[in-house]
Amino acid sequence: MSGYCGSGSGYGTGSAFALIVVLFILLIIVGASFLNRGYC
């Protein structure tokens, strides 16, 4: 956690991690809606 509010290196890692998390959540939402559509 140290250096997270520091210079550009921490920001780059944080933005990449946030992007991966957002893509993962989108994948879960799309997969859940697809499964619900298939089951119904």
PDB file of N, CA and C in Angstrom:
ATOM      1  N   MET A   1       0.821  -1.197   0.000  1.00  0.00           N
ATOM      2  CA  MET A   1       0.000   0.000   0.000  1.00  0.00           C
ATOM      3  C   MET A   1       0.857   1.250   0.000  1.00  0.00           C
ATOM      4  N   SER A   2       2.076   1.182   0.502  1.00  0.00           N
ATOM      5  CA  SER A   2       2.950   2.344   0.532  1.00  0.00           C
ATOM      6  C   SER A   2       3.368   2.721  -0.877  1.00  0.00           C
ATOM      7  N   GLY A   3       3.322   3.991  -1.205  1.00  0.00           N
ATOM      8  CA  GLY A   3       3.667   4.447  -2.540  1.00  0.00           C
ATOM      9  C   GLY A   3       2.487   4.445  -3.491  1.00  0.00           C
ATOM     10  N   TYR A   4       1.295   4.120  -3.006  1.00  0.00           N
ATOM     11  CA  TYR A   4       0.125   4.130  -3.885  1.00  0.00           C
ATOM     12  C   TYR A   4      -0.223   5.556  -4.304  1.00  0.00           C
ATOM     13  N   CYS A   5      -0.095   6.498  -3.363  1.00  0.00           N
ATOM     14  CA  CYS A   5      -0.367   7.900  -3.666  1.00  0.00           C
ATOM     15  C   CYS A   5       0.904   8.626  -4.097  1.00  0.00           C
ATOM     16  N   GLY A   6       1.915   7.893  -4.525  1.00  0.00           N
ATOM     17  CA  GLY A   6       3.178   8.510  -4.889  1.00  0.00           C
ATOM     18  C   GLY A   6       3.174   8.988  -6.322  1.00  0.00           C
ATOM     19  N   SER A   7       4.226   8.644  -7.075  1.00  0.00           N
ATOM     20  CA  SER A   7       4.387   9.146  -8.432  1.00  0.00           C
ATOM     21  C   SER A   7       3.629   8.268  -9.427  1.00  0.00           C
ATOM     22  N   GLY A   8       4.069   8.270 -10.694  1.00  0.00           N
ATOM     23  CA  GLY A   8       3.316   7.625 -11.765  1.00  0.00           C
ATOM     24  C   GLY A   8       3.306   6.111 -11.701  1.00  0.00           C
ATOM     25  N   SER A   9       4.328   5.484 -11.093  1.00  0.00           N
ATOM     26  CA  SER A   9       4.401   4.026 -11.119  1.00  0.00           C
ATOM     27  C   SER A   9       3.213   3.416 -10.385  1.00  0.00           C
ATOM     28  N   GLY A  10       2.914   3.933  -9.194  1.00  0.00           N
ATOM     29  CA  GLY A  10       1.785   3.413  -8.434  1.00  0.00           C
ATOM     30  C   GLY A  10       0.471   3.660  -9.163  1.00  0.00           C
ATOM     31  N   TYR A  11       0.370   4.810  -9.829  1.00  0.00           N
ATOM     32  CA  TYR A  11      -0.862   5.122 -10.551  1.00  0.00           C
ATOM     33  C   TYR A  11      -1.066   4.147 -11.697  1.00  0.00           C
ATOM     34  N   GLY A  12       0.018   3.816 -12.401  1.00  0.00           N
ATOM     35  CA  GLY A  12      -0.101   2.880 -13.515  1.00  0.00           C
ATOM     36  C   GLY A  12      -0.560   1.513 -13.044  1.00  0.00           C
ATOM     37  N   THR A  13       0.018   1.041 -11.928  1.00  0.00           N
ATOM     38  CA  THR A  13      -0.386  -0.262 -11.414  1.00  0.00           C
ATOM     39  C   THR A  13      -1.837  -0.215 -10.954  1.00  0.00           C
ATOM     40  N   GLY A  14      -2.229   0.864 -10.300  1.00  0.00           N
ATOM     41  CA  GLY A  14      -3.602   0.968  -9.820  1.00  0.00           C
ATOM     42  C   GLY A  14      -4.595   1.005 -10.972  1.00  0.00           C
ATOM     43  N   SER A  15      -4.290   1.760 -12.029  1.00  0.00           N
ATOM     44  CA  SER A  15      -5.211   1.857 -13.153  1.00  0.00           C
ATOM     45  C   SER A  15      -5.316   0.521 -13.874  1.00  0.00           C
ATOM     46  N   ALA A  16      -4.195  -0.186 -14.016  1.00  0.00           N
ATOM     47  CA  ALA A  16      -4.233  -1.492 -14.674  1.00  0.00           C
ATOM     48  C   ALA A  16      -5.064  -2.462 -13.845  1.00  0.00           C
ATOM     49  N   PHE A  17      -4.877  -2.445 -12.522  1.00  0.00           N
ATOM     50  CA  PHE A  17      -5.641  -3.340 -11.651  1.00  0.00           C
ATOM     51  C   PHE A  17      -7.124  -2.996 -11.713  1.00  0.00           C
ATOM     52  N   ALA A  18      -7.457  -1.699 -11.737  1.00  0.00           N
ATOM     53  CA  ALA A  18      -8.855  -1.288 -11.822  1.00  0.00           C
ATOM     54  C   ALA A  18      -9.463  -1.736 -13.145  1.00  0.00           C
ATOM     55  N   LEU A  19      -8.701  -1.624 -14.230  1.00  0.00           N
ATOM     56  CA  LEU A  19      -9.202  -2.044 -15.534  1.00  0.00           C
ATOM     57  C   LEU A  19      -9.478  -3.538 -15.546  1.00  0.00           C
ATOM     58  N   ILE A  20      -8.581  -4.334 -14.957  1.00  0.00           N
ATOM     59  CA  ILE A  20      -8.787  -5.783 -14.902  1.00  0.00           C
ATOM     60  C   ILE A  20     -10.026  -6.104 -14.074  1.00  0.00           C
ATOM     61  N   VAL A  21     -10.207  -5.402 -12.960  1.00  0.00           N
ATOM     62  CA  VAL A  21     -11.373  -5.650 -12.110  1.00  0.00           C
ATOM     63  C   VAL A  21     -12.658  -5.313 -12.855  1.00  0.00           C
ATOM     64  N   VAL A  22     -12.663  -4.184 -13.579  1.00  0.00           N
ATOM     65  CA  VAL A  22     -13.860  -3.779 -14.324  1.00  0.00           C
ATOM     66  C   VAL A  22     -14.183  -4.807 -15.405  1.00  0.00           C
ATOM     67  N   LEU A  23     -13.159  -5.266 -16.132  1.00  0.00           N
ATOM     68  CA  LEU A  23     -13.396  -6.267 -17.169  1.00  0.00           C
ATOM     69  C   LEU A  23     -13.911  -7.561 -16.559  1.00  0.00           C
ATOM     70  N   PHE A  24     -13.384  -7.950 -15.394  1.00  0.00           N
ATOM     71  CA  PHE A  24     -13.820  -9.182 -14.734  1.00  0.00           C
ATOM     72  C   PHE A  24     -15.278  -9.069 -14.308  1.00  0.00           C
ATOM     73  N   ILE A  25     -15.674  -7.907 -13.767  1.00  0.00           N
ATOM     74  CA  ILE A  25     -17.063  -7.711 -13.347  1.00  0.00           C
ATOM     75  C   ILE A  25     -17.982  -7.729 -14.568  1.00  0.00           C
ATOM     76  N   LEU A  26     -17.566  -7.094 -15.653  1.00  0.00           N
ATOM     77  CA  LEU A  26     -18.361  -7.118 -16.877  1.00  0.00           C
ATOM     78  C   LEU A  26     -18.533  -8.543 -17.380  1.00  0.00           C
ATOM     79  N   LEU A  27     -17.458  -9.334 -17.339  1.00  0.00           N
ATOM     80  CA  LEU A  27     -17.535 -10.718 -17.788  1.00  0.00           C
ATOM     81  C   LEU A  27     -18.512 -11.507 -16.934  1.00  0.00           C
ATOM     82  N   ILE A  28     -18.502 -11.288 -15.624  1.00  0.00           N
ATOM     83  CA  ILE A  28     -19.429 -11.989 -14.732  1.00  0.00           C
ATOM     84  C   ILE A  28     -20.870 -11.592 -15.047  1.00  0.00           C
ATOM     85  N   ILE A  29     -21.116 -10.295 -15.266  1.00  0.00           N
ATOM     86  CA  ILE A  29     -22.478  -9.825 -15.542  1.00  0.00           C
ATOM     87  C   ILE A  29     -22.980 -10.412 -16.858  1.00  0.00           C
ATOM     88  N   VAL A  30     -22.141 -10.373 -17.891  1.00  0.00           N
ATOM     89  CA  VAL A  30     -22.546 -10.903 -19.195  1.00  0.00           C
ATOM     90  C   VAL A  30     -22.783 -12.408 -19.101  1.00  0.00           C
ATOM     91  N   GLY A  31     -21.895 -13.118 -18.392  1.00  0.00           N
ATOM     92  CA  GLY A  31     -22.066 -14.563 -18.243  1.00  0.00           C
ATOM     93  C   GLY A  31     -23.333 -14.898 -17.476  1.00  0.00           C
ATOM     94  N   ALA A  32     -23.633 -14.141 -16.418  1.00  0.00           N
ATOM     95  CA  ALA A  32     -24.834 -14.406 -15.633  1.00  0.00           C
ATOM     96  C   ALA A  32     -26.088 -14.156 -16.469  1.00  0.00           C
ATOM     97  N   SER A  33     -26.115 -13.062 -17.217  1.00  0.00           N
ATOM     98  CA  SER A  33     -27.282 -12.772 -18.045  1.00  0.00           C
ATOM     99  C   SER A  33     -27.434 -13.817 -19.145  1.00  0.00           C
ATOM    100  N   PHE A  34     -26.322 -14.289 -19.707  1.00  0.00           N
ATOM    101  CA  PHE A  34     -26.382 -15.314 -20.750  1.00  0.00           C
ATOM    102  C   PHE A  34     -26.911 -16.626 -20.180  1.00  0.00           C
ATOM    103  N   LEU A  35     -26.461 -16.992 -18.976  1.00  0.00           N
ATOM    104  CA  LEU A  35     -26.940 -18.230 -18.353  1.00  0.00           C
ATOM    105  C   LEU A  35     -28.422 -18.109 -18.003  1.00  0.00           C
ATOM    106  N   ASN A  36     -28.836 -16.954 -17.492  1.00  0.00           N
ATOM    107  CA  ASN A  36     -30.250 -16.770 -17.165  1.00  0.00           C
ATOM    108  C   ASN A  36     -31.106 -16.854 -18.426  1.00  0.00           C
ATOM    109  N   ARG A  37     -30.632 -16.284 -19.513  1.00  0.00           N
ATOM    110  CA  ARG A  37     -31.374 -16.340 -20.770  1.00  0.00           C
ATOM    111  C   ARG A  37     -31.456 -17.785 -21.261  1.00  0.00           C
ATOM    112  N   GLY A  38     -30.370 -18.536 -21.114  1.00  0.00           N
ATOM    113  CA  GLY A  38     -30.360 -19.925 -21.559  1.00  0.00           C
ATOM    114  C   GLY A  38     -31.284 -20.797 -20.720  1.00  0.00           C
ATOM    115  N   TYR A  39     -31.306 -20.543 -19.392  1.00  0.00           N
ATOM    116  CA  TYR A  39     -32.147 -21.359 -18.525  1.00  0.00           C
ATOM    117  C   TYR A  39     -33.618 -21.018 -18.714  1.00  0.00           C
ATOM    118  N   CYS A  40     -33.943 -19.750 -18.951  1.00  0.00           N
ATOM    119  CA  CYS A  40     -35.337 -19.375 -19.171  1.00  0.00           C
ATOM    120  C   CYS A  40     -35.726 -19.740 -20.596  1.00  0.00           C
TER     121      CYS A  40
END
